[in-house]
């Protein structure tokens, strides 16, 4: 019997497994994919997420893979340069300023999974979870799953954690309360380009579609375009043509693209539901997009996942160690998550409702980013060995 089974081994599940394993807990980490592998993503890690990588002892390892730091973003609104006002200065004891990062997920996720395994978590790849096991009181006590090739197995744990994305199998099985939900409001497509010069980071807001362009691994530039959800079906009739139409409407971007070559296929979606789910119940918890999802426009997914992995691991440790009743600790996890996430969620959904972002919104966003900064000194990357 494991202390925890974590379903989903990417940016929410792998850090959760790693942090629990570092505390000495026995952790089984499952994923339907194998690593390294890619997945659709906004790529962006905001400074609070970068600082958590530093706290976990992983930032230097990610930088060593060739992930370029992003220190400035050029904004345009309807063709005019825009300098977002800065929020008030952070407190004197706030963590130092750090750049953003936009890593390829096949690089980032491999690093996170490897760190979880190094910490002591057991990894099983190419596994699909089919069911949860419950006792007579309805408490989740384990999972039933199938390996690639069809072999079925069951495992038991003190807690089962769904970190398996917005369409979480675990969430479907445990049926958590969903609240403050809003439908998908936008769509986006992106591709990776070589020969894009200079490799700066730009964010362009237009009434008929926006553009986000940023440097990533292997000398490539990821260029994403998007727009209101009602444009999606028409856009899909000619993805490349409509993609370039939006690019060419921004002369500064069109100039940088003139010698660029697309290196991989277009990736896109209009499946961007906005919701909160109650992230815990008897014998189970949710983390990352499984428990809370918002439109991609603010690029918060990875940063949120890192934050909530820390919050959840702290709550489980508090409950398992006896410092706090587990249900009380998990309720505090939900409270802390929602307190930070709700203002960002409201800003994100407002930004994709058709209104260009205002100066006040940028200030609120900056203040919210400050509130996400991790507290305390960086934690050792060594296994702590002090759990259950």
Protein backbone atom coordinates (compact mmCIF):
# COMPACT_ATOMS: atom_id res chain seq x y z
CA UNK A 1 0.00 0.00 0.00
CA UNK A 2 1.30 3.41 -1.00
CA UNK A 3 0.93 6.65 0.90
CA UNK A 4 -0.15 8.39 -2.32
CA UNK A 5 -0.99 7.46 -5.88
CA UNK A 6 -0.67 10.38 -8.31
CA UNK A 7 -2.41 10.07 -11.67
CA UNK A 8 -0.80 12.37 -14.24
CA UNK A 9 2.96 12.95 -14.28
CA UNK A 10 3.29 16.36 -15.88
CA UNK A 11 3.50 19.88 -14.39
CA UNK A 12 1.05 19.27 -11.52
CA UNK A 13 1.50 15.57 -10.79
CA UNK A 14 5.27 15.22 -11.04
CA UNK A 15 6.04 18.08 -8.60
CA UNK A 16 3.38 16.80 -6.18
CA UNK A 17 4.93 13.32 -6.29
CA UNK A 18 8.43 14.76 -5.96
CA UNK A 19 7.56 16.92 -2.94
CA UNK A 20 5.80 14.07 -1.16
CA UNK A 21 8.63 11.65 -1.92
CA UNK A 22 11.18 14.13 -0.61
CA UNK A 23 9.27 14.08 2.66
CA UNK A 24 9.72 10.32 2.79
CA UNK A 25 6.27 9.17 1.64
CA UNK A 26 5.83 6.19 -0.67
CA UNK A 27 4.42 7.52 -3.93
CA UNK A 28 3.24 5.78 -7.10
CA UNK A 29 3.21 8.10 -10.15
CA UNK A 30 1.16 7.00 -13.17
CA UNK A 31 0.74 8.50 -16.62
CA UNK A 32 -0.93 7.40 -19.84
CA UNK A 33 2.09 8.72 -21.79
CA UNK A 34 5.81 7.95 -21.67
CA UNK A 35 8.57 10.52 -21.32
CA UNK A 36 9.90 12.55 -23.00
CA UNK A 37 6.73 13.48 -24.87
CA UNK A 38 5.03 16.70 -25.91
CA UNK A 39 1.61 18.09 -25.02
CA UNK A 40 -0.37 21.17 -25.99
CA UNK A 41 0.67 24.01 -23.69
CA UNK A 42 0.96 27.75 -23.25
CA UNK A 43 4.64 27.07 -22.33
CA UNK A 44 4.94 30.19 -20.19
CA UNK A 45 6.24 30.01 -16.63
CA UNK A 46 5.69 33.28 -14.76
CA UNK A 47 8.31 34.40 -12.19
CA UNK A 48 6.50 32.76 -9.22
CA UNK A 49 6.79 29.44 -11.05
CA UNK A 50 10.43 30.07 -11.89
CA UNK A 51 11.14 30.75 -8.21
CA UNK A 52 9.52 27.45 -7.28
CA UNK A 53 11.79 25.66 -9.74
CA UNK A 54 14.66 27.39 -7.98
CA UNK A 55 13.31 26.37 -4.56
CA UNK A 56 13.12 22.75 -5.74
CA UNK A 57 16.69 22.78 -7.08
CA UNK A 58 15.57 22.45 -10.73
CA UNK A 59 16.00 25.91 -12.24
CA UNK A 60 19.66 25.54 -13.18
CA UNK A 61 18.94 22.13 -14.68
CA UNK A 62 16.23 23.62 -16.88
CA UNK A 63 18.44 26.52 -17.96
CA UNK A 64 21.19 24.05 -18.84
CA UNK A 65 18.84 22.50 -21.43
CA UNK A 66 19.02 25.73 -23.43
CA UNK A 67 15.73 27.29 -22.35
CA UNK A 68 16.11 31.03 -23.07
CA UNK A 69 15.11 33.42 -20.26
CA UNK A 70 12.51 36.06 -21.10
CA UNK A 71 13.10 39.41 -19.44
CA UNK A 72 10.90 41.71 -21.54
CA UNK A 73 7.59 41.43 -23.39
CA UNK A 74 6.66 43.91 -26.11
CA UNK A 75 2.95 44.73 -25.95
CA UNK A 76 0.75 46.09 -28.72
CA UNK A 77 -2.95 46.92 -28.57
CA UNK A 78 -4.61 47.47 -31.98
CA UNK A 79 -1.25 48.22 -33.58
CA UNK A 80 -0.04 50.74 -30.99
CA UNK A 81 2.80 50.01 -28.56
CA UNK A 82 1.59 49.78 -24.99
CA UNK A 83 3.64 49.89 -21.81
CA UNK A 84 1.65 48.24 -19.01
CA UNK A 85 1.94 50.20 -15.77
CA UNK A 86 3.91 48.40 -13.12
CA UNK A 87 2.20 47.40 -9.88
CA UNK A 88 3.42 48.97 -6.64
CA UNK A 89 6.87 47.90 -5.52
CA UNK A 90 6.89 44.57 -3.68
CA UNK A 91 7.87 44.39 -0.05
CA UNK A 92 11.53 44.76 0.84
CA UNK A 93 11.77 41.08 1.81
CA UNK A 94 10.12 39.85 -1.43
CA UNK A 95 12.06 37.35 -3.59
CA UNK A 96 14.35 38.95 -6.22
CA UNK A 97 13.05 39.55 -9.73
CA UNK A 98 13.52 36.59 -12.08
CA UNK A 99 12.80 36.13 -15.79
CA UNK A 100 9.96 34.17 -17.30
CA UNK A 101 10.64 30.93 -19.16
CA UNK A 102 8.90 29.21 -22.09
CA UNK A 103 10.29 25.66 -22.24
CA UNK A 104 9.18 22.92 -24.59
CA UNK A 105 7.02 20.57 -22.57
CA UNK A 106 8.93 17.51 -23.75
CA UNK A 107 11.96 19.01 -21.96
CA UNK A 108 10.25 20.42 -18.86
CA UNK A 109 8.07 17.38 -18.18
CA UNK A 110 10.98 14.96 -18.53
CA UNK A 111 12.95 17.02 -16.00
CA UNK A 112 10.05 17.06 -13.53
CA UNK A 113 9.35 13.32 -13.89
CA UNK A 114 13.03 12.52 -13.47
CA UNK A 115 13.18 14.62 -10.32
CA UNK A 116 10.18 12.81 -8.86
CA UNK A 117 11.82 9.46 -9.53
CA UNK A 118 15.13 10.67 -8.12
CA UNK A 119 13.25 11.71 -4.96
CA UNK A 120 11.95 8.16 -4.56
CA UNK A 121 8.61 8.08 -6.41
CA UNK A 122 7.83 4.94 -8.44
CA UNK A 123 6.93 5.79 -12.06
CA UNK A 124 4.76 3.64 -14.30
CA UNK A 125 4.27 4.96 -17.84
CA UNK A 126 1.68 4.02 -20.49
CA UNK A 127 -0.95 3.33 -17.82
CA UNK A 128 -4.63 4.26 -18.09
CA UNK A 129 -6.64 4.53 -14.88
CA UNK A 130 -10.12 3.11 -15.34
CA UNK A 131 -11.69 3.21 -11.88
CA UNK A 132 -11.27 4.13 -8.24
CA UNK A 133 -11.64 1.58 -5.46
CA UNK A 134 -13.79 2.62 -2.50
CA UNK A 135 -14.64 1.13 0.88
CA UNK A 136 -18.09 0.68 2.35
CA UNK A 137 -18.19 4.34 3.44
CA UNK A 138 -17.37 5.62 -0.05
CA UNK A 139 -13.80 6.59 0.80
CA UNK A 140 -11.39 6.17 -2.10
CA UNK A 141 -8.75 3.58 -1.21
CA UNK A 142 -7.04 2.90 -4.54
CA UNK A 143 -7.28 2.66 -8.30
CA UNK A 144 -7.86 0.12 -11.02
CA UNK A 145 -5.78 0.61 -14.15
CA UNK A 146 -4.63 -0.97 -17.39
CA UNK A 147 -1.09 -1.13 -18.73
CA UNK A 148 -0.24 -0.75 -22.40
CA UNK A 149 -0.90 -4.18 -23.83
CA UNK A 150 -4.03 -4.72 -21.75
CA UNK A 151 -2.75 -6.05 -18.41
CA UNK A 152 -5.02 -4.88 -15.58
CA UNK A 153 -3.91 -4.15 -12.03
CA UNK A 154 -5.08 -2.52 -8.80
CA UNK A 155 -3.13 -0.54 -6.22
CA UNK A 156 -4.12 0.90 -2.84
CA UNK A 157 -3.10 4.16 -1.18
CA UNK A 158 -3.95 6.45 1.71
CA UNK A 159 -4.84 9.14 -0.86
CA UNK A 160 -5.41 9.15 -4.63
CA UNK A 161 -4.46 12.39 -6.39
CA UNK A 162 -5.87 13.38 -9.77
CA UNK A 163 -3.34 15.49 -11.68
CA UNK A 164 -4.67 14.36 -15.03
CA UNK A 165 -5.79 17.62 -16.62
CA UNK A 166 -9.03 19.50 -17.18
CA UNK A 167 -10.76 16.34 -18.47
CA UNK A 168 -9.54 14.41 -15.42
CA UNK A 169 -10.58 10.77 -15.19
CA UNK A 170 -10.32 10.98 -11.42
CA UNK A 171 -12.64 14.01 -11.33
CA UNK A 172 -15.17 12.16 -13.50
CA UNK A 173 -15.07 9.22 -11.11
CA UNK A 174 -15.32 11.11 -7.81
CA UNK A 175 -17.72 13.81 -9.16
CA UNK A 176 -16.52 16.88 -7.22
CA UNK A 177 -18.62 20.03 -6.87
CA UNK A 178 -17.91 22.49 -9.70
CA UNK A 179 -18.37 26.24 -9.16
CA UNK A 180 -17.85 29.63 -10.82
CA UNK A 181 -17.84 27.84 -14.17
CA UNK A 182 -17.83 29.69 -17.50
CA UNK A 183 -17.82 28.24 -21.02
CA UNK A 184 -14.85 28.22 -23.36
CA UNK A 185 -14.50 31.74 -24.77
CA UNK A 186 -11.57 31.61 -27.18
CA UNK A 187 -9.37 29.47 -29.41
CA UNK A 188 -5.70 29.41 -30.38
CA UNK A 189 -3.24 27.70 -32.73
CA UNK A 190 0.53 27.70 -32.53
CA UNK A 191 3.55 26.34 -34.38
CA UNK A 192 7.34 26.37 -33.98
CA UNK A 193 9.45 28.36 -36.46
CA UNK A 194 13.15 28.53 -37.27
CA UNK A 195 14.65 31.63 -38.85
CA UNK A 196 12.46 34.02 -36.84
CA UNK A 197 14.60 37.06 -36.10
CA UNK A 198 15.07 38.75 -33.77
CA UNK A 199 13.78 36.25 -31.24
CA UNK A 200 11.96 38.66 -28.94
CA UNK A 201 8.75 38.10 -26.99
CA UNK A 202 5.64 39.92 -28.19
CA UNK A 203 2.01 40.01 -27.08
CA UNK A 204 -0.44 41.67 -29.48
CA UNK A 205 -4.11 42.29 -28.73
CA UNK A 206 -6.46 42.88 -31.68
CA UNK A 207 -10.22 42.84 -31.96
CA UNK A 208 -10.09 40.15 -34.66
CA UNK A 209 -7.37 38.00 -33.10
CA UNK A 210 -4.22 38.26 -31.03
CA UNK A 211 -0.65 36.97 -31.29
CA UNK A 212 1.82 35.68 -28.71
CA UNK A 213 5.37 35.03 -29.89
CA UNK A 214 8.23 33.80 -27.70
CA UNK A 215 11.59 32.00 -27.95
CA UNK A 216 11.84 28.43 -26.75
CA UNK A 217 14.25 25.47 -27.00
CA UNK A 218 16.41 24.55 -30.01
CA UNK A 219 16.59 28.06 -31.43
CA UNK A 220 12.89 27.97 -32.26
CA UNK A 221 10.21 30.61 -31.89
CA UNK A 222 6.72 29.57 -30.84
CA UNK A 223 4.15 31.81 -32.51
CA UNK A 224 0.54 31.49 -31.37
CA UNK A 225 -2.55 33.21 -32.75
CA UNK A 226 -6.02 33.21 -31.28
CA UNK A 227 -9.37 34.90 -31.21
CA UNK A 228 -12.95 34.76 -29.98
CA UNK A 229 -14.47 31.30 -29.82
CA UNK A 230 -17.11 32.12 -32.43
CA UNK A 231 -14.32 32.44 -35.04
CA UNK A 232 -13.04 28.91 -34.48
CA UNK A 233 -15.00 26.95 -37.07
CA UNK A 234 -14.25 29.50 -39.81
CA UNK A 235 -10.57 29.58 -38.82
CA UNK A 236 -10.29 25.78 -39.10
CA UNK A 237 -11.38 25.83 -42.76
CA UNK A 238 -7.90 27.17 -43.65
CA UNK A 239 -5.68 27.01 -40.59
CA UNK A 240 -2.42 28.11 -42.22
CA UNK A 241 -4.05 30.82 -44.34
CA UNK A 242 -5.99 32.31 -41.44
CA UNK A 243 -2.99 31.99 -39.14
CA UNK A 244 -0.83 33.99 -41.54
CA UNK A 245 -3.63 36.51 -42.11
CA UNK A 246 -3.51 37.41 -38.41
CA UNK A 247 0.31 37.51 -38.44
CA UNK A 248 0.43 39.73 -41.54
CA UNK A 249 -1.95 42.22 -39.92
CA UNK A 250 0.90 43.02 -37.48
CA UNK A 251 3.74 44.50 -39.60
CA UNK A 252 6.44 44.08 -36.95
CA UNK A 253 5.68 40.35 -36.66
CA UNK A 254 5.30 39.85 -40.40
CA UNK A 255 8.80 41.29 -40.88
CA UNK A 256 10.30 38.81 -38.43
CA UNK A 257 8.45 35.94 -40.10
CA UNK A 258 9.55 36.70 -43.67
CA UNK A 259 12.48 34.23 -43.58
CA UNK A 260 10.97 31.85 -41.04
CA UNK A 261 10.29 28.17 -41.69
CA UNK A 262 7.63 26.18 -39.87
CA UNK A 263 9.29 23.13 -38.31
CA UNK A 264 6.29 21.28 -36.85
CA UNK A 265 2.56 20.96 -37.41
CA UNK A 266 0.01 23.47 -36.17
CA UNK A 267 -1.44 22.68 -32.75
CA UNK A 268 -4.69 24.25 -31.57
CA UNK A 269 -7.97 24.03 -29.72
CA UNK A 270 -11.12 25.85 -28.69
CA UNK A 271 -11.53 23.55 -25.69
CA UNK A 272 -10.79 26.04 -22.90
CA UNK A 273 -13.48 25.65 -20.21
CA UNK A 274 -13.22 27.84 -17.13
CA UNK A 275 -14.06 26.28 -13.75
CA UNK A 276 -13.17 25.56 -10.16
CA UNK A 277 -13.70 22.10 -8.69
CA UNK A 278 -13.67 21.22 -5.02
CA UNK A 279 -10.18 19.71 -4.91
CA UNK A 280 -10.57 17.09 -2.20
CA UNK A 281 -12.89 14.51 -0.70
CA UNK A 282 -12.66 11.25 1.28
CA UNK A 283 -9.48 9.57 0.11
CA UNK A 284 -8.88 11.79 -2.94
CA UNK A 285 -7.56 15.18 -4.06
CA UNK A 286 -7.20 17.12 -7.30
CA UNK A 287 -4.33 19.36 -8.38
CA UNK A 288 -3.50 21.49 -11.42
CA UNK A 289 -5.98 21.68 -14.28
CA UNK A 290 -7.92 18.77 -12.80
CA UNK A 291 -9.08 21.07 -10.00
CA UNK A 292 -9.01 24.51 -11.57
CA UNK A 293 -8.82 25.61 -15.19
CA UNK A 294 -8.89 28.96 -16.93
CA UNK A 295 -8.41 30.25 -20.49
CA UNK A 296 -4.84 30.12 -21.80
CA UNK A 297 -4.64 33.87 -22.59
CA UNK A 298 -2.79 34.76 -19.37
CA UNK A 299 -0.47 31.74 -19.58
CA UNK A 300 -1.06 30.71 -15.97
CA UNK A 301 -1.39 26.93 -16.24
CA UNK A 302 2.15 25.83 -15.35
CA UNK A 303 2.65 28.50 -12.69
CA UNK A 304 -0.67 27.59 -11.06
CA UNK A 305 0.20 23.89 -11.18
CA UNK A 306 3.53 24.45 -9.40
CA UNK A 307 1.89 26.58 -6.70
CA UNK A 308 -0.91 24.10 -6.05
CA UNK A 309 1.50 21.14 -6.00
CA UNK A 310 3.28 22.82 -3.10
CA UNK A 311 0.01 23.65 -1.34
CA UNK A 312 -1.33 20.11 -1.73
CA UNK A 313 1.90 18.37 -0.67
CA UNK A 314 2.00 20.63 2.41
CA UNK A 315 -1.61 19.78 3.25
CA UNK A 316 -1.13 16.02 2.85
CA UNK A 317 2.02 16.09 4.96
CA UNK A 318 0.19 18.06 7.62
CA UNK A 319 -2.60 15.48 7.68
CA UNK A 320 -0.47 12.36 7.46
CA UNK A 321 2.00 13.58 10.09
CA UNK A 322 -0.81 14.30 12.56
CA UNK A 323 -0.09 18.03 12.81
CA UNK A 324 -3.55 18.83 11.42
CA UNK A 325 -6.61 16.67 10.71
CA UNK A 326 -6.34 15.72 7.03
CA UNK A 327 -9.74 17.10 6.05
CA UNK A 328 -8.93 20.39 7.75
CA UNK A 329 -5.56 20.58 5.98
CA UNK A 330 -7.15 19.89 2.59
CA UNK A 331 -9.83 22.51 3.21
CA UNK A 332 -7.03 25.00 3.84
CA UNK A 333 -5.43 23.91 0.54
CA UNK A 334 -8.66 24.79 -1.25
CA UNK A 335 -8.98 28.11 0.59
CA UNK A 336 -5.42 29.18 -0.25
CA UNK A 337 -5.78 28.11 -3.88
CA UNK A 338 -9.03 29.98 -4.39
CA UNK A 339 -7.89 33.12 -2.58
CA UNK A 340 -5.01 33.53 -5.02
CA UNK A 341 -6.67 32.10 -8.11
CA UNK A 342 -10.03 33.88 -8.09
CA UNK A 343 -8.74 37.41 -8.97
CA UNK A 344 -6.57 35.95 -11.75
CA UNK A 345 -9.48 33.84 -12.97
CA UNK A 346 -11.76 36.90 -13.12
CA UNK A 347 -9.13 38.92 -15.01
CA UNK A 348 -8.47 36.08 -17.43
CA UNK A 349 -12.12 35.49 -18.31
CA UNK A 350 -12.72 39.23 -18.64
CA UNK A 351 -9.78 39.55 -21.05
CA UNK A 352 -11.26 36.92 -23.38
CA UNK A 353 -14.79 38.30 -23.21
CA UNK A 354 -14.03 40.84 -25.96
CA UNK A 355 -12.74 43.79 -23.93
CA UNK A 356 -9.10 44.86 -24.48
CA UNK A 357 -7.13 44.76 -21.23
CA UNK A 358 -7.02 48.03 -19.33
CA UNK A 359 -4.13 49.60 -17.45
CA UNK A 360 -5.92 48.79 -14.21
CA UNK A 361 -6.13 45.12 -15.20
CA UNK A 362 -2.39 44.95 -15.78
CA UNK A 363 -1.78 46.46 -12.35
CA UNK A 364 -4.13 43.92 -10.75
CA UNK A 365 -2.42 41.14 -12.66
CA UNK A 366 0.99 42.29 -11.44
CA UNK A 367 -0.22 42.45 -7.86
CA UNK A 368 -1.67 38.96 -8.17
CA UNK A 369 1.68 37.71 -9.46
CA UNK A 370 3.35 39.22 -6.40
CA UNK A 371 0.88 37.36 -4.17
CA UNK A 372 1.91 34.06 -5.81
CA UNK A 373 5.58 34.44 -4.93
CA UNK A 374 6.71 31.52 -2.76
CA UNK A 375 7.66 32.20 0.82
CA UNK A 376 10.84 31.12 2.54
CA UNK A 377 14.25 30.03 1.36
CA UNK A 378 14.77 27.55 -1.50
CA UNK A 379 14.19 24.00 -0.33
CA UNK A 380 16.95 21.44 -0.72
CA UNK A 381 16.73 19.16 -3.73
CA UNK A 382 17.83 16.28 -1.51
CA UNK A 383 15.31 13.79 -0.20
CA UNK A 384 14.16 14.78 3.26
CA UNK A 385 13.21 11.31 4.55
CA UNK A 386 10.87 12.55 7.27
CA UNK A 387 7.43 11.38 6.22
CA UNK A 388 5.06 8.55 6.86
